[in-house]
């Protein structure tokens, strides 16, 4: 289970919009000035977007806490018992050509 870089980038941008809005609002409540709140939010967005992206990429390489599910690579796995059974049945009935299609 891995994440594509594009997924990480989109996740980074959507998080940044939310987090920067929060920073702007808090900065405005503290300073009471829109210009200072905008400056603080602007600096914060530039630094934290890079930090968040690197943080996500680092965590995508860590295996701890991930669940891996081993799924077949085909909807009809080659070694499926039902297919083996059908193949043997077709061989016995003389449908050799049809049985070969299941191999």
C-alpha atoms as a PDB file:
ATOM      1  CA  UNK A   1       0.000   0.000   0.000  1.00  0.00           C
ATOM      2  CA  UNK A   2       1.640   3.204  -1.186  1.00  0.00           C
ATOM      3  CA  UNK A   3       0.501   6.682  -2.041  1.00  0.00           C
ATOM      4  CA  UNK A   4       1.189   8.334  -5.364  1.00  0.00           C
ATOM      5  CA  UNK A   5       3.067  11.623  -5.279  1.00  0.00           C
ATOM      6  CA  UNK A   6       0.109  13.402  -6.915  1.00  0.00           C
ATOM      7  CA  UNK A   7      -2.206  12.230  -4.114  1.00  0.00           C
ATOM      8  CA  UNK A   8       0.235  13.487  -1.507  1.00  0.00           C
ATOM      9  CA  UNK A   9       0.506  16.847  -3.323  1.00  0.00           C
ATOM     10  CA  UNK A  10      -3.283  17.339  -3.507  1.00  0.00           C
ATOM     11  CA  UNK A  11      -3.637  16.334   0.139  1.00  0.00           C
ATOM     12  CA  UNK A  12      -0.921  18.850   0.991  1.00  0.00           C
ATOM     13  CA  UNK A  13      -2.671  21.685  -0.845  1.00  0.00           C
ATOM     14  CA  UNK A  14      -6.118  21.031   0.635  1.00  0.00           C
ATOM     15  CA  UNK A  15      -4.662  20.833   4.121  1.00  0.00           C
ATOM     16  CA  UNK A  16      -2.734  24.046   3.535  1.00  0.00           C
ATOM     17  CA  UNK A  17      -5.902  25.970   2.595  1.00  0.00           C
ATOM     18  CA  UNK A  18      -7.587  24.849   5.799  1.00  0.00           C
ATOM     19  CA  UNK A  19      -4.564  25.415   8.036  1.00  0.00           C
ATOM     20  CA  UNK A  20      -3.704  28.832   6.548  1.00  0.00           C
ATOM     21  CA  UNK A  21      -7.278  30.034   7.026  1.00  0.00           C
ATOM     22  CA  UNK A  22      -7.007  28.975  10.663  1.00  0.00           C
ATOM     23  CA  UNK A  23      -3.663  30.779  11.051  1.00  0.00           C
ATOM     24  CA  UNK A  24      -5.069  33.935   9.440  1.00  0.00           C
ATOM     25  CA  UNK A  25      -8.096  33.981  11.760  1.00  0.00           C
ATOM     26  CA  UNK A  26      -6.016  33.395  14.899  1.00  0.00           C
ATOM     27  CA  UNK A  27      -3.464  36.021  13.819  1.00  0.00           C
ATOM     28  CA  UNK A  28      -6.239  38.544  13.211  1.00  0.00           C
ATOM     29  CA  UNK A  29      -7.746  37.909  16.658  1.00  0.00           C
ATOM     30  CA  UNK A  30      -4.341  38.384  18.297  1.00  0.00           C
ATOM     31  CA  UNK A  31      -3.141  41.427  16.311  1.00  0.00           C
ATOM     32  CA  UNK A  32      -6.441  43.010  15.287  1.00  0.00           C
ATOM     33  CA  UNK A  33      -4.914  43.890  11.907  1.00  0.00           C
ATOM     34  CA  UNK A  34      -5.607  42.240   8.557  1.00  0.00           C
ATOM     35  CA  UNK A  35      -2.209  43.210   7.110  1.00  0.00           C
ATOM     36  CA  UNK A  36      -0.252  41.498   9.906  1.00  0.00           C
ATOM     37  CA  UNK A  37      -2.560  38.485   9.858  1.00  0.00           C
ATOM     38  CA  UNK A  38      -2.015  38.179   6.084  1.00  0.00           C
ATOM     39  CA  UNK A  39       1.763  38.480   6.453  1.00  0.00           C
ATOM     40  CA  UNK A  40       1.852  35.801   9.151  1.00  0.00           C
ATOM     41  CA  UNK A  41      -0.382  33.470   7.116  1.00  0.00           C
ATOM     42  CA  UNK A  42       1.732  34.080   3.988  1.00  0.00           C
ATOM     43  CA  UNK A  43       4.998  33.169   5.675  1.00  0.00           C
ATOM     44  CA  UNK A  44       3.384  30.177   7.338  1.00  0.00           C
ATOM     45  CA  UNK A  45       2.003  28.812   4.067  1.00  0.00           C
ATOM     46  CA  UNK A  46       5.387  28.980   2.338  1.00  0.00           C
ATOM     47  CA  UNK A  47       7.231  27.058   5.016  1.00  0.00           C
ATOM     48  CA  UNK A  48       4.644  24.549   6.127  1.00  0.00           C
ATOM     49  CA  UNK A  49       3.563  23.361   2.680  1.00  0.00           C
ATOM     50  CA  UNK A  50       7.087  22.069   2.119  1.00  0.00           C
ATOM     51  CA  UNK A  51       7.352  20.602   5.610  1.00  0.00           C
ATOM     52  CA  UNK A  52       3.989  18.831   5.322  1.00  0.00           C
ATOM     53  CA  UNK A  53       4.835  17.320   1.914  1.00  0.00           C
ATOM     54  CA  UNK A  54       8.154  15.972   3.206  1.00  0.00           C
ATOM     55  CA  UNK A  55       6.445  14.680   6.351  1.00  0.00           C
ATOM     56  CA  UNK A  56       3.826  12.782   4.284  1.00  0.00           C
ATOM     57  CA  UNK A  57       6.450  11.261   1.976  1.00  0.00           C
ATOM     58  CA  UNK A  58       8.509  10.130   4.966  1.00  0.00           C
ATOM     59  CA  UNK A  59       5.482   8.484   6.600  1.00  0.00           C
ATOM     60  CA  UNK A  60       4.547   6.736   3.350  1.00  0.00           C
ATOM     61  CA  UNK A  61       7.872   4.855   3.582  1.00  0.00           C
ATOM     62  CA  UNK A  62       7.258   3.677   7.163  1.00  0.00           C
ATOM     63  CA  UNK A  63       5.577   0.258   7.279  1.00  0.00           C
ATOM     64  CA  UNK A  64       4.426   0.513  10.896  1.00  0.00           C
ATOM     65  CA  UNK A  65       0.637   0.694  11.235  1.00  0.00           C
ATOM     66  CA  UNK A  66      -0.196  -0.218   7.625  1.00  0.00           C
ATOM     67  CA  UNK A  67      -2.473  -3.141   6.845  1.00  0.00           C
ATOM     68  CA  UNK A  68      -1.549  -5.251   3.855  1.00  0.00           C
ATOM     69  CA  UNK A  69      -4.203  -7.411   2.253  1.00  0.00           C
ATOM     70  CA  UNK A  70      -2.977 -10.062  -0.129  1.00  0.00           C
ATOM     71  CA  UNK A  71      -5.462 -10.067  -2.983  1.00  0.00           C
ATOM     72  CA  UNK A  72      -5.227 -12.236  -6.090  1.00  0.00           C
ATOM     73  CA  UNK A  73      -3.778 -10.507  -9.129  1.00  0.00           C
ATOM     74  CA  UNK A  74      -6.515 -11.932 -11.310  1.00  0.00           C
ATOM     75  CA  UNK A  75     -10.245 -12.409 -10.760  1.00  0.00           C
ATOM     76  CA  UNK A  76      -9.672 -16.055 -11.708  1.00  0.00           C
ATOM     77  CA  UNK A  77      -6.504 -17.174  -9.933  1.00  0.00           C
ATOM     78  CA  UNK A  78      -4.650 -19.890 -11.828  1.00  0.00           C
ATOM     79  CA  UNK A  79      -4.446 -22.229  -8.855  1.00  0.00           C
ATOM     80  CA  UNK A  80      -8.089 -21.896  -7.811  1.00  0.00           C
ATOM     81  CA  UNK A  81      -9.517 -25.279  -6.774  1.00  0.00           C
ATOM     82  CA  UNK A  82     -12.732 -24.695  -8.721  1.00  0.00           C
ATOM     83  CA  UNK A  83     -10.815 -24.128 -11.940  1.00  0.00           C
ATOM     84  CA  UNK A  84      -8.695 -27.234 -11.345  1.00  0.00           C
ATOM     85  CA  UNK A  85     -11.809 -29.267 -10.729  1.00  0.00           C
ATOM     86  CA  UNK A  86     -13.503 -27.937 -13.876  1.00  0.00           C
ATOM     87  CA  UNK A  87     -10.368 -28.596 -15.936  1.00  0.00           C
ATOM     88  CA  UNK A  88     -10.271 -32.246 -14.764  1.00  0.00           C
ATOM     89  CA  UNK A  89     -13.984 -32.649 -15.474  1.00  0.00           C
ATOM     90  CA  UNK A  90     -13.615 -31.260 -19.003  1.00  0.00           C
ATOM     91  CA  UNK A  91     -10.616 -33.543 -19.651  1.00  0.00           C
ATOM     92  CA  UNK A  92     -12.642 -36.594 -18.579  1.00  0.00           C
ATOM     93  CA  UNK A  93     -15.572 -35.604 -20.797  1.00  0.00           C
ATOM     94  CA  UNK A  94     -13.302 -35.179 -23.814  1.00  0.00           C
ATOM     95  CA  UNK A  95     -13.394 -31.381 -24.045  1.00  0.00           C
ATOM     96  CA  UNK A  96      -9.614 -31.094 -24.172  1.00  0.00           C
ATOM     97  CA  UNK A  97      -9.601 -27.823 -26.143  1.00  0.00           C
ATOM     98  CA  UNK A  98     -11.887 -26.144 -23.622  1.00  0.00           C
ATOM     99  CA  UNK A  99      -9.855 -27.526 -20.708  1.00  0.00           C
ATOM    100  CA  UNK A 100      -6.678 -26.055 -22.222  1.00  0.00           C
ATOM    101  CA  UNK A 101      -8.229 -22.590 -22.154  1.00  0.00           C
ATOM    102  CA  UNK A 102      -8.247 -22.785 -18.373  1.00  0.00           C
ATOM    103  CA  UNK A 103      -4.501 -23.357 -18.185  1.00  0.00           C
END
